[in-house]
Amino acid sequence: MGTKSNASSTESKSSASKPSQTRRIRAEVRRPPPKVDARAPAFDLQLFLDSAGLGRKVTEFQAKEAIFAQGDPANNVMYIQKGGVRLSVVSETGKEAVVATLGPSDFLGEGCLAGQSVRMATATTIALTTLLVIEKHEMIRALHEEHEFSDRFLAYTLARTVRVEEDLIDQLFNSSEKRLARTLLLLARYGTQDQPQKVIANVSQETLGEMIGTTRSRVNFFMNKFRKLGFIEYNGEIHVNESLLSVVLHD
């Protein structure tokens, strides 16, 4: 009896001396999202693009007025609120080429954000134009801190790249008539998210000729043709009708 009791006691002590195997489970604790500071005002994109302030100013230009010239210091970005801008480059031999035509809601001068120290083109207004001029440091701050603005600017940059490709194809393969129709539609903002303006400022036939790479007389011929067909109304201002799309879409 004593032997059994001692054995049982020894087994009990041995079992008690062994450490118990505890199963550890890692629990992932989710942190609550940071509280929004109700005192911080929400970013108003349209207010930013329509108003002057620190590092921003609204400037008005008359028609055919130079905004900046090829070779000027590149130190700001501009947003077109109203009007239109023609970008052109001049070769060493003096030959000029129009590389882009911009309108309301477009940016220009954004090359300074990519490290350009001087302007690569000359910007000239094609009508009475209002610009929001944004200093480079303010533009960089807004892109870093204001996500709504940076999203808008990224979308614009991608759309601009696509349009540049389309412009190149237009110049290489399309007739002067089709290039003129496309330019008028672009000036009227057809094909954009914004509602078409339909009425655009009175752009001279000479300027339109420079935009599409043809003579003023050819522009005059096609403008009269468009007017007779009811595609445009041309009396002081240019009224662009949706039917003008048929010229661009027709092969």
Protein backbone atom coordinates (compact mmCIF):
# COMPACT_ATOMS: atom_id res chain seq x y z
CA MET A 1 0.00 0.00 0.00
CA GLY A 2 2.81 2.38 0.89
CA THR A 3 4.63 1.63 -2.36
CA LYS A 4 1.61 2.44 -4.45
CA SER A 5 1.05 5.67 -2.56
CA ASN A 6 4.66 6.77 -3.05
CA ALA A 7 4.54 5.94 -6.78
CA SER A 8 1.35 7.88 -7.18
CA SER A 9 2.82 10.82 -5.29
CA THR A 10 5.99 10.73 -7.42
CA GLU A 11 3.96 10.64 -10.67
CA SER A 12 1.83 13.53 -9.47
CA LYS A 13 4.91 15.64 -8.67
CA SER A 14 6.52 14.78 -12.01
CA SER A 15 3.40 15.80 -13.87
CA ALA A 16 3.13 19.04 -11.94
CA SER A 17 6.76 19.94 -12.63
CA LYS A 18 6.30 19.78 -16.45
CA PRO A 19 5.34 23.12 -17.95
CA SER A 20 1.88 23.19 -19.47
CA GLN A 21 1.77 23.69 -23.27
CA THR A 22 -0.20 26.90 -23.90
CA ARG A 23 -1.45 27.61 -27.44
CA ARG A 24 -0.86 31.21 -28.42
CA ILE A 25 -3.23 32.86 -30.89
CA ARG A 26 -2.29 36.15 -32.52
CA ALA A 27 -5.24 38.43 -32.66
CA GLU A 28 -5.15 41.23 -35.21
CA VAL A 29 -6.39 44.38 -33.62
CA ARG A 30 -7.89 46.83 -36.05
CA ARG A 31 -7.22 50.43 -35.30
CA PRO A 32 -10.08 52.83 -35.72
CA PRO A 33 -9.75 55.21 -38.69
CA PRO A 34 -8.31 58.61 -37.85
CA LYS A 35 -10.89 61.12 -36.87
CA VAL A 36 -11.59 63.83 -39.37
CA ASP A 37 -10.93 67.26 -38.04
CA ALA A 38 -14.29 68.95 -38.41
CA ARG A 39 -12.58 72.30 -38.14
CA ALA A 40 -10.51 71.70 -41.29
CA PRO A 41 -12.38 73.08 -44.32
CA ALA A 42 -13.01 70.71 -47.23
CA PHE A 43 -11.00 71.43 -50.37
CA ASP A 44 -13.10 73.25 -52.95
CA LEU A 45 -11.64 72.44 -56.35
CA GLN A 46 -13.65 74.97 -58.31
CA LEU A 47 -12.92 77.70 -55.78
CA PHE A 48 -9.20 76.94 -56.11
CA LEU A 49 -9.39 77.13 -59.91
CA ASP A 50 -11.51 80.26 -59.99
CA SER A 51 -9.89 82.49 -57.38
CA ALA A 52 -6.66 84.27 -56.62
CA GLY A 53 -4.73 83.77 -53.41
CA LEU A 54 -1.31 82.92 -52.07
CA GLY A 55 0.78 81.91 -55.06
CA ARG A 56 -2.14 82.43 -57.45
CA LYS A 57 -3.48 85.35 -59.42
CA VAL A 58 -6.13 85.88 -62.09
CA THR A 59 -4.90 87.70 -65.19
CA GLU A 60 -6.77 88.84 -68.29
CA PHE A 61 -5.24 89.02 -71.78
CA GLN A 62 -6.55 90.64 -74.94
CA ALA A 63 -6.85 88.73 -78.21
CA LYS A 64 -3.56 87.99 -80.00
CA GLU A 65 -1.56 88.91 -76.89
CA ALA A 66 1.55 86.94 -75.95
CA ILE A 67 1.31 85.14 -72.60
CA PHE A 68 4.89 83.85 -72.71
CA ALA A 69 7.48 83.33 -75.42
CA GLN A 70 9.64 80.40 -76.41
CA GLY A 71 12.77 80.55 -74.23
CA ASP A 72 11.19 82.50 -71.35
CA PRO A 73 11.77 81.20 -67.79
CA ALA A 74 9.29 78.46 -66.88
CA ASN A 75 8.18 79.25 -63.33
CA ASN A 76 4.39 78.85 -63.25
CA VAL A 77 1.41 76.86 -64.51
CA MET A 78 -1.71 78.46 -65.96
CA TYR A 79 -5.34 77.39 -66.00
CA ILE A 80 -7.61 78.79 -68.71
CA GLN A 81 -10.87 80.04 -67.25
CA LYS A 82 -12.16 81.74 -70.39
CA GLY A 83 -10.95 82.23 -73.95
CA GLY A 84 -8.36 80.29 -75.90
CA VAL A 85 -4.60 79.93 -76.34
CA ARG A 86 -2.46 78.86 -79.28
CA LEU A 87 0.89 77.17 -78.63
CA SER A 88 3.46 77.51 -81.39
CA VAL A 89 7.16 76.85 -81.91
CA VAL A 90 9.64 78.56 -84.22
CA SER A 91 12.60 76.77 -85.76
CA GLU A 92 16.08 78.27 -86.14
CA THR A 93 15.23 79.07 -89.76
CA GLY A 94 12.16 81.04 -88.67
CA LYS A 95 9.50 78.51 -89.65
CA GLU A 96 6.54 78.53 -87.26
CA ALA A 97 4.33 75.56 -86.41
CA VAL A 98 1.21 75.46 -84.21
CA VAL A 99 1.49 72.51 -81.83
CA ALA A 100 -1.73 72.88 -79.81
CA THR A 101 -4.89 74.92 -79.37
CA LEU A 102 -6.22 75.14 -75.81
CA GLY A 103 -9.50 76.34 -74.38
CA PRO A 104 -11.39 76.72 -71.07
CA SER A 105 -10.50 74.14 -68.35
CA ASP A 106 -7.11 73.44 -69.99
CA PHE A 107 -3.73 73.93 -68.32
CA LEU A 108 -0.60 75.28 -69.97
CA GLY A 109 2.99 75.71 -68.86
CA GLU A 110 2.96 72.46 -66.86
CA GLY A 111 6.37 71.55 -68.30
CA CYS A 112 8.00 73.40 -65.39
CA LEU A 113 6.78 70.61 -63.09
CA ALA A 114 8.79 68.11 -65.13
CA GLY A 115 12.02 70.07 -64.83
CA GLN A 116 11.79 72.40 -67.83
CA SER A 117 13.63 75.59 -66.97
CA VAL A 118 12.48 77.53 -70.06
CA ARG A 119 9.32 77.58 -72.16
CA MET A 120 9.45 75.21 -75.12
CA ALA A 121 6.73 77.07 -77.04
CA THR A 122 5.12 80.49 -77.40
CA ALA A 123 1.61 80.94 -75.98
CA THR A 124 -0.63 83.50 -77.70
CA THR A 125 -4.29 84.20 -76.99
CA ILE A 126 -6.78 83.73 -79.81
CA ALA A 127 -9.53 85.69 -78.04
CA LEU A 128 -10.13 87.65 -74.85
CA THR A 129 -8.71 85.21 -72.29
CA THR A 130 -8.75 84.92 -68.50
CA LEU A 131 -6.06 82.81 -66.82
CA LEU A 132 -5.42 81.63 -63.29
CA VAL A 133 -1.63 81.87 -62.93
CA ILE A 134 -0.34 79.38 -60.33
CA GLU A 135 3.24 79.70 -59.12
CA LYS A 136 5.29 76.51 -59.36
CA HIS A 137 5.70 76.07 -55.58
CA GLU A 138 1.94 76.53 -55.03
CA MET A 139 1.15 74.04 -57.79
CA ILE A 140 3.47 71.44 -56.24
CA ARG A 141 1.93 72.02 -52.80
CA ALA A 142 -1.59 71.57 -54.16
CA LEU A 143 -0.66 68.38 -56.01
CA HIS A 144 0.85 66.91 -52.83
CA GLU A 145 -1.81 68.00 -50.34
CA GLU A 146 -5.08 68.32 -52.26
CA HIS A 147 -6.05 64.90 -53.62
CA GLU A 148 -9.10 66.15 -55.49
CA PHE A 149 -6.93 68.61 -57.36
CA SER A 150 -4.17 66.09 -58.11
CA ASP A 151 -6.77 63.63 -59.45
CA ARG A 152 -8.15 66.33 -61.74
CA PHE A 153 -4.69 67.29 -62.95
CA LEU A 154 -3.67 63.67 -63.62
CA ALA A 155 -6.84 63.07 -65.63
CA TYR A 156 -6.16 66.22 -67.62
CA THR A 157 -2.55 65.22 -68.31
CA LEU A 158 -3.58 61.81 -69.63
CA ALA A 159 -6.33 63.31 -71.80
CA ARG A 160 -3.87 65.89 -73.13
CA THR A 161 -1.44 63.13 -74.16
CA VAL A 162 -4.20 61.38 -76.10
CA ARG A 163 -5.18 64.65 -77.78
CA VAL A 164 -1.60 65.38 -78.84
CA GLU A 165 -1.51 61.99 -80.58
CA GLU A 166 -4.82 62.75 -82.29
CA ASP A 167 -3.52 66.17 -83.39
CA LEU A 168 -0.46 64.57 -84.95
CA ILE A 169 -2.57 62.06 -86.85
CA ASP A 170 -4.89 64.87 -87.94
CA GLN A 171 -2.00 66.89 -89.35
CA LEU A 172 -0.43 63.91 -91.11
CA PHE A 173 -3.45 62.27 -92.72
CA ASN A 174 -6.49 64.55 -92.85
CA SER A 175 -7.43 67.19 -95.40
CA SER A 176 -7.47 70.92 -94.65
CA GLU A 177 -11.27 70.85 -94.61
CA LYS A 178 -11.41 68.09 -92.01
CA ARG A 179 -8.67 69.74 -89.92
CA LEU A 180 -10.62 73.00 -89.89
CA ALA A 181 -13.84 71.24 -88.85
CA ARG A 182 -12.01 69.42 -86.04
CA THR A 183 -10.39 72.65 -84.82
CA LEU A 184 -13.76 74.44 -84.66
CA LEU A 185 -15.27 71.52 -82.73
CA LEU A 186 -12.35 71.51 -80.29
CA LEU A 187 -12.70 75.26 -79.73
CA ALA A 188 -16.39 74.67 -79.01
CA ARG A 189 -15.44 71.90 -76.53
CA TYR A 190 -17.21 69.09 -78.37
CA GLY A 191 -16.03 65.68 -77.17
CA THR A 192 -15.19 66.83 -73.64
CA GLN A 193 -16.99 66.16 -70.35
CA ASP A 194 -18.11 69.77 -70.28
CA GLN A 195 -21.18 70.88 -72.18
CA PRO A 196 -20.25 72.23 -75.65
CA GLN A 197 -20.10 76.02 -75.81
CA LYS A 198 -21.47 76.05 -79.38
CA VAL A 199 -20.58 79.75 -79.56
CA ILE A 200 -16.88 80.58 -79.72
CA ALA A 201 -15.07 83.88 -79.96
CA ASN A 202 -14.50 85.36 -83.37
CA VAL A 203 -11.18 83.80 -84.32
CA SER A 204 -9.70 85.33 -87.46
CA GLN A 205 -9.38 83.22 -90.59
CA GLU A 206 -5.66 83.95 -90.60
CA THR A 207 -5.34 82.46 -87.10
CA LEU A 208 -7.40 79.42 -88.07
CA GLY A 209 -5.12 78.95 -91.07
CA GLU A 210 -2.07 78.98 -88.81
CA MET A 211 -3.72 76.43 -86.51
CA ILE A 212 -4.35 73.89 -89.25
CA GLY A 213 -1.39 74.63 -91.49
CA THR A 214 -3.09 76.19 -94.52
CA THR A 215 -3.75 79.59 -96.08
CA ARG A 216 -6.37 82.15 -95.08
CA SER A 217 -8.02 81.85 -98.51
CA ARG A 218 -8.54 78.10 -98.03
CA VAL A 219 -10.04 78.72 -94.58
CA ASN A 220 -12.38 81.32 -96.11
CA PHE A 221 -13.50 78.82 -98.77
CA PHE A 222 -14.30 76.11 -96.22
CA MET A 223 -15.96 78.49 -93.74
CA ASN A 224 -18.33 79.67 -96.47
CA LYS A 225 -19.01 76.06 -97.41
CA PHE A 226 -19.76 75.14 -93.78
CA ARG A 227 -22.09 78.11 -93.46
CA LYS A 228 -24.04 77.22 -96.63
CA LEU A 229 -24.47 73.65 -95.41
CA GLY A 230 -25.74 74.88 -92.02
CA PHE A 231 -22.81 73.49 -90.05
CA ILE A 232 -21.89 76.91 -88.63
CA GLU A 233 -23.29 80.42 -88.31
CA TYR A 234 -20.64 83.01 -88.89
CA ASN A 235 -21.56 86.57 -87.97
CA GLY A 236 -19.24 88.29 -85.48
CA GLU A 237 -19.17 85.10 -83.44
CA ILE A 238 -18.90 81.54 -84.68
CA HIS A 239 -21.88 79.32 -83.81
CA VAL A 240 -20.81 75.70 -84.17
CA ASN A 241 -23.63 73.22 -84.80
CA GLU A 242 -23.38 69.55 -83.96
CA SER A 243 -23.88 68.70 -87.65
CA LEU A 244 -20.27 69.82 -88.25
CA LEU A 245 -19.26 66.46 -86.75
CA SER A 246 -20.30 64.86 -90.04
CA VAL A 247 -17.28 66.44 -91.75
CA VAL A 248 -14.88 64.89 -89.25
CA LEU A 249 -16.61 61.48 -89.22
CA HIS A 250 -16.99 61.25 -92.98
CA ASP A 251 -14.26 59.23 -94.74
